[in-house]
C-alpha atoms as a PDB file:
ATOM      1  CA  MET A   1      -2.618  -1.064   7.950  1.00  0.00           C
ATOM      2  CA  GLY A   2      -5.069   1.694   6.979  1.00  0.00           C
ATOM      3  CA  ILE A   3      -7.415   3.109   4.563  1.00  0.00           C
ATOM      4  CA  LYS A   4      -6.591   4.775   1.040  1.00  0.00           C
ATOM      5  CA  VAL A   5      -6.308   8.417   1.448  1.00  0.00           C
ATOM      6  CA  ALA A   6      -8.428  10.073  -0.878  1.00  0.00           C
ATOM      7  CA  ASN A   7      -6.715  12.820  -3.631  1.00  0.00           C
ATOM      8  CA  ASN A   8      -8.035  15.013  -6.505  1.00  0.00           C
ATOM      9  CA  ASN A   9      -8.605  11.893  -8.687  1.00  0.00           C
ATOM     10  CA  PHE A  10     -11.276  10.331  -6.571  1.00  0.00           C
ATOM     11  CA  SER A  11     -14.474   8.963  -7.664  1.00  0.00           C
ATOM     12  CA  LEU A  12     -18.064   9.343  -5.978  1.00  0.00           C
ATOM     13  CA  GLU A  13     -20.727   6.393  -6.002  1.00  0.00           C
ATOM     14  CA  ALA A  14     -24.163   7.489  -5.523  1.00  0.00           C
ATOM     15  CA  THR A  15     -26.730   5.023  -3.819  1.00  0.00           C
ATOM     16  CA  THR A  16     -30.584   5.841  -4.024  1.00  0.00           C
ATOM     17  CA  LEU A  17     -32.836   5.501  -0.909  1.00  0.00           C
ATOM     18  CA  GLY A  18     -35.455   4.884  -3.728  1.00  0.00           C
ATOM     19  CA  GLY A  19     -37.139   4.287  -7.046  1.00  0.00           C
ATOM     20  CA  TRP A  20     -35.227   7.352  -8.924  1.00  0.00           C
ATOM     21  CA  LEU A  21     -31.728   7.579 -10.244  1.00  0.00           C
ATOM     22  CA  PRO A  22     -29.263   9.584  -9.253  1.00  0.00           C
ATOM     23  CA  GLY A  23     -27.173  12.005 -11.588  1.00  0.00           C
ATOM     24  CA  ASP A  24     -23.092  11.003 -12.422  1.00  0.00           C
ATOM     25  CA  PRO A  25     -21.934  12.357  -9.113  1.00  0.00           C
ATOM     26  CA  ASN A  26     -18.169  12.235 -11.173  1.00  0.00           C
ATOM     27  CA  SER A  27     -19.657  14.136 -14.167  1.00  0.00           C
ATOM     28  CA  ALA A  28     -19.810  18.260 -14.275  1.00  0.00           C
ATOM     29  CA  THR A  29     -22.625  18.621 -15.914  1.00  0.00           C
ATOM     30  CA  ASP A  30     -24.626  16.738 -13.344  1.00  0.00           C
ATOM     31  CA  MET A  31     -22.974  17.847 -10.138  1.00  0.00           C
ATOM     32  CA  SER A  32     -20.840  20.862  -8.879  1.00  0.00           C
ATOM     33  CA  VAL A  33     -18.483  19.260  -6.107  1.00  0.00           C
ATOM     34  CA  ILE A  34     -16.391  21.328  -3.833  1.00  0.00           C
ATOM     35  CA  VAL A  35     -13.251  19.816  -2.090  1.00  0.00           C
ATOM     36  CA  ASP A  36     -10.505  20.949   0.124  1.00  0.00           C
ATOM     37  CA  ALA A  37      -7.116  19.827  -0.979  1.00  0.00           C
ATOM     38  CA  VAL A  38      -3.743  20.335   0.389  1.00  0.00           C
ATOM     39  CA  ALA A  39      -1.664  21.879  -2.763  1.00  0.00           C
ATOM     40  CA  ASP A  40       1.715  20.946  -0.943  1.00  0.00           C
ATOM     41  CA  GLU A  41       0.845  17.211   0.095  1.00  0.00           C
ATOM     42  CA  LYS A  42       0.104  14.620  -2.879  1.00  0.00           C
ATOM     43  CA  ALA A  43      -0.093  10.819  -3.080  1.00  0.00           C
ATOM     44  CA  ASP A  44       0.418   9.692  -6.115  1.00  0.00           C
ATOM     45  CA  SER A  45       1.348  13.027  -7.749  1.00  0.00           C
ATOM     46  CA  ALA A  46      -2.206  14.532  -6.824  1.00  0.00           C
ATOM     47  CA  GLU A  47      -3.456  16.601  -4.221  1.00  0.00           C
ATOM     48  CA  ILE A  48      -4.951  14.931  -0.778  1.00  0.00           C
ATOM     49  CA  LEU A  49      -8.410  15.709   0.171  1.00  0.00           C
ATOM     50  CA  VAL A  50      -9.095  17.044   3.689  1.00  0.00           C
ATOM     51  CA  ASP A  51     -11.968  17.913   5.792  1.00  0.00           C
ATOM     52  CA  GLU A  52     -15.214  17.734   3.728  1.00  0.00           C
ATOM     53  CA  ILE A  53     -16.743  17.258   0.449  1.00  0.00           C
ATOM     54  CA  THR A  54     -19.986  19.379  -0.398  1.00  0.00           C
ATOM     55  CA  TRP A  55     -21.929  19.307  -3.372  1.00  0.00           C
ATOM     56  CA  THR A  56     -25.043  20.782  -5.369  1.00  0.00           C
ATOM     57  CA  VAL A  57     -26.986  18.300  -7.982  1.00  0.00           C
ATOM     58  CA  ILE A  58     -27.620  20.458 -10.929  1.00  0.00           C
ATOM     59  CA  PRO A  59     -31.444  20.611 -11.854  1.00  0.00           C
ATOM     60  CA  LEU A  60     -32.403  17.751 -14.189  1.00  0.00           C
ATOM     61  CA  ALA A  61     -29.666  15.798 -13.293  1.00  0.00           C
ATOM     62  CA  CYS A  62     -31.607  13.233 -11.488  1.00  0.00           C
ATOM     63  CA  SER A  63     -34.706  11.230 -13.123  1.00  0.00           C
ATOM     64  CA  PHE A  64     -37.731   9.396 -11.592  1.00  0.00           C
ATOM     65  CA  ALA A  65     -40.285   8.146 -14.512  1.00  0.00           C
ATOM     66  CA  GLY A  66     -43.108  10.864 -14.128  1.00  0.00           C
ATOM     67  CA  HIS A  67     -41.104  13.578 -12.307  1.00  0.00           C
ATOM     68  CA  THR A  68     -39.053  16.462 -12.937  1.00  0.00           C
ATOM     69  CA  HIS A  69     -35.973  16.662 -10.738  1.00  0.00           C
ATOM     70  CA  VAL A  70     -35.528  20.090  -8.964  1.00  0.00           C
ATOM     71  CA  SER A  71     -32.473  20.122  -6.539  1.00  0.00           C
ATOM     72  CA  GLY A  72     -30.224  18.088  -4.365  1.00  0.00           C
ATOM     73  CA  SER A  73     -27.167  18.897  -2.260  1.00  0.00           C
ATOM     74  CA  ASN A  74     -25.701  17.980   1.281  1.00  0.00           C
ATOM     75  CA  ASN A  75     -27.967  20.751   2.579  1.00  0.00           C
ATOM     76  CA  PRO A  76     -28.527  19.890   6.686  1.00  0.00           C
ATOM     77  CA  ILE A  77     -32.213  20.561   6.470  1.00  0.00           C
ATOM     78  CA  PRO A  78     -34.216  17.143   6.350  1.00  0.00           C
ATOM     79  CA  SER A  79     -36.404  16.236   3.703  1.00  0.00           C
ATOM     80  CA  PRO A  80     -39.677  14.838   5.190  1.00  0.00           C
ATOM     81  CA  GLY A  81     -38.884  11.055   5.782  1.00  0.00           C
ATOM     82  CA  PHE A  82     -35.575  10.856   5.254  1.00  0.00           C
ATOM     83  CA  ASN A  83     -32.360  12.010   7.601  1.00  0.00           C
ATOM     84  CA  THR A  84     -30.623  15.314   7.524  1.00  0.00           C
ATOM     85  CA  GLY A  85     -28.158  15.804   4.353  1.00  0.00           C
ATOM     86  CA  LYS A  86     -24.346  16.049   5.041  1.00  0.00           C
ATOM     87  CA  ALA A  87     -21.200  16.538   3.636  1.00  0.00           C
ATOM     88  CA  ILE A  88     -18.605  13.745   3.146  1.00  0.00           C
ATOM     89  CA  GLU A  89     -16.836  14.623   6.287  1.00  0.00           C
ATOM     90  CA  ALA A  90     -13.368  12.959   7.130  1.00  0.00           C
ATOM     91  CA  THR A  91     -13.462   9.346   9.385  1.00  0.00           C
ATOM     92  CA  ALA A  92      -9.790   9.324   9.925  1.00  0.00           C
ATOM     93  CA  GLN A  93      -9.074   9.703  13.572  1.00  0.00           C
ATOM     94  CA  TYR A  94      -4.928  10.522  13.247  1.00  0.00           C
ATOM     95  CA  THR A  95      -4.288  11.442   9.885  1.00  0.00           C
ATOM     96  CA  LYS A  96      -3.827  14.979   9.252  1.00  0.00           C
ATOM     97  CA  CYS A  97      -2.656  17.295   6.579  1.00  0.00           C
ATOM     98  CA  GLU A  98      -2.026  21.101   7.357  1.00  0.00           C
ATOM     99  CA  GLY A  99      -4.130  20.424  10.458  1.00  0.00           C
ATOM    100  CA  LYS A 100      -7.277  18.954   9.035  1.00  0.00           C
ATOM    101  CA  LEU A 101      -8.441  15.169   8.783  1.00  0.00           C
ATOM    102  CA  VAL A 102      -7.907  13.241   5.515  1.00  0.00           C
ATOM    103  CA  LEU A 103     -10.482  12.043   3.660  1.00  0.00           C
ATOM    104  CA  ARG A 104     -10.410   8.262   2.885  1.00  0.00           C
ATOM    105  CA  GLU A 105     -12.175   6.004   0.750  1.00  0.00           C
ATOM    106  CA  GLY A 106     -15.668   4.698   1.959  1.00  0.00           C
ATOM    107  CA  ASP A 107     -16.041   8.408   3.807  1.00  0.00           C
ATOM    108  CA  SER A 108     -19.821   9.066   2.882  1.00  0.00           C
ATOM    109  CA  GLY A 109     -22.460  11.867   3.220  1.00  0.00           C
ATOM    110  CA  ILE A 110     -26.374  12.417   2.521  1.00  0.00           C
ATOM    111  CA  CYS A 111     -27.548  14.296  -0.422  1.00  0.00           C
ATOM    112  CA  ASN A 112     -31.316  15.941   0.224  1.00  0.00           C
ATOM    113  CA  GLY A 113     -33.086  16.842  -3.051  1.00  0.00           C
ATOM    114  CA  SER A 114     -36.510  16.739  -4.576  1.00  0.00           C
ATOM    115  CA  PHE A 115     -38.504  16.441  -7.882  1.00  0.00           C
ATOM    116  CA  THR A 116     -41.962  17.349  -9.067  1.00  0.00           C
ATOM    117  CA  ASN A 117     -44.639  15.098  -9.717  1.00  0.00           C
ATOM    118  CA  ASN A 118     -45.618  16.098 -13.439  1.00  0.00           C
ATOM    119  CA  SER A 119     -49.182  15.139 -13.035  1.00  0.00           C
ATOM    120  CA  SER A 120     -49.960  16.733  -9.568  1.00  0.00           C
ATOM    121  CA  GLY A 121     -47.425  19.573  -9.010  1.00  0.00           C
ATOM    122  CA  ALA A 122     -46.441  17.721  -5.708  1.00  0.00           C
ATOM    123  CA  THR A 123     -43.054  18.134  -4.355  1.00  0.00           C
ATOM    124  CA  VAL A 124     -41.362  14.776  -3.844  1.00  0.00           C
ATOM    125  CA  PRO A 125     -38.308  14.634  -1.498  1.00  0.00           C
ATOM    126  CA  CYS A 126     -35.465  12.466  -2.515  1.00  0.00           C
ATOM    127  CA  GLN A 127     -32.106  10.908  -0.809  1.00  0.00           C
ATOM    128  CA  CYS A 128     -29.176   9.509  -1.618  1.00  0.00           C
ATOM    129  CA  THR A 129     -26.132   8.051  -0.118  1.00  0.00           C
ATOM    130  CA  PHE A 130     -22.557   9.720  -1.390  1.00  0.00           C
ATOM    131  CA  LYS A 131     -19.379   7.955  -0.882  1.00  0.00           C
ATOM    132  CA  ILE A 132     -15.788   8.033  -2.088  1.00  0.00           C
ATOM    133  CA  SER A 133     -15.646   4.712  -3.674  1.00  0.00           C
ATOM    134  CA  ASP A 134     -12.129   5.198  -5.347  1.00  0.00           C
ATOM    135  CA  ALA A 135      -9.431   7.232  -3.318  1.00  0.00           C
ATOM    136  CA  GLY A 136      -7.480   8.096  -6.626  1.00  0.00           C
ATOM    137  CA  GLN A 137      -4.550   6.124  -5.573  1.00  0.00           C
ATOM    138  CA  SER A 138      -3.693   3.051  -3.989  1.00  0.00           C
ATOM    139  CA  ASP A 139      -0.060   3.822  -1.650  1.00  0.00           C
ATOM    140  CA  VAL A 140      -1.098   6.259   0.807  1.00  0.00           C
ATOM    141  CA  LYS A 141      -3.221   5.172   3.816  1.00  0.00           C
ATOM    142  CA  ALA A 142      -4.417   6.815   6.832  1.00  0.00           C
ATOM    143  CA  GLU A 143      -5.898   5.249  10.298  1.00  0.00           C
END
């Protein structure tokens, strides 16, 4: 059966764990996303993604009333009251390309970031879940 393998035409979805609005994880003006793609292995004419996806959120990309967005990334340092950030890592158990597990639709990670309160200057931590919401193709699947 399997789950769709992600290729370079994938889309990410950000879900906040608070009252702020995330930037668009599919926009180069909001995020710097780094993928590990296998050039020789393709699904629907685009490179297959393997191993992990990392990112850095561009300052001001996210919004929260009365606050200024400062940062965000998959940095493993936990924000107070939140989980540790983590890259989107491959959850496939068996399917590999060039020795690395493939990424699949639904694989997810955690973004940690912060805002500055415009009145008090206090740092306000924030967190989102990033997941591969669209694999970019529908024919190739993996376990």
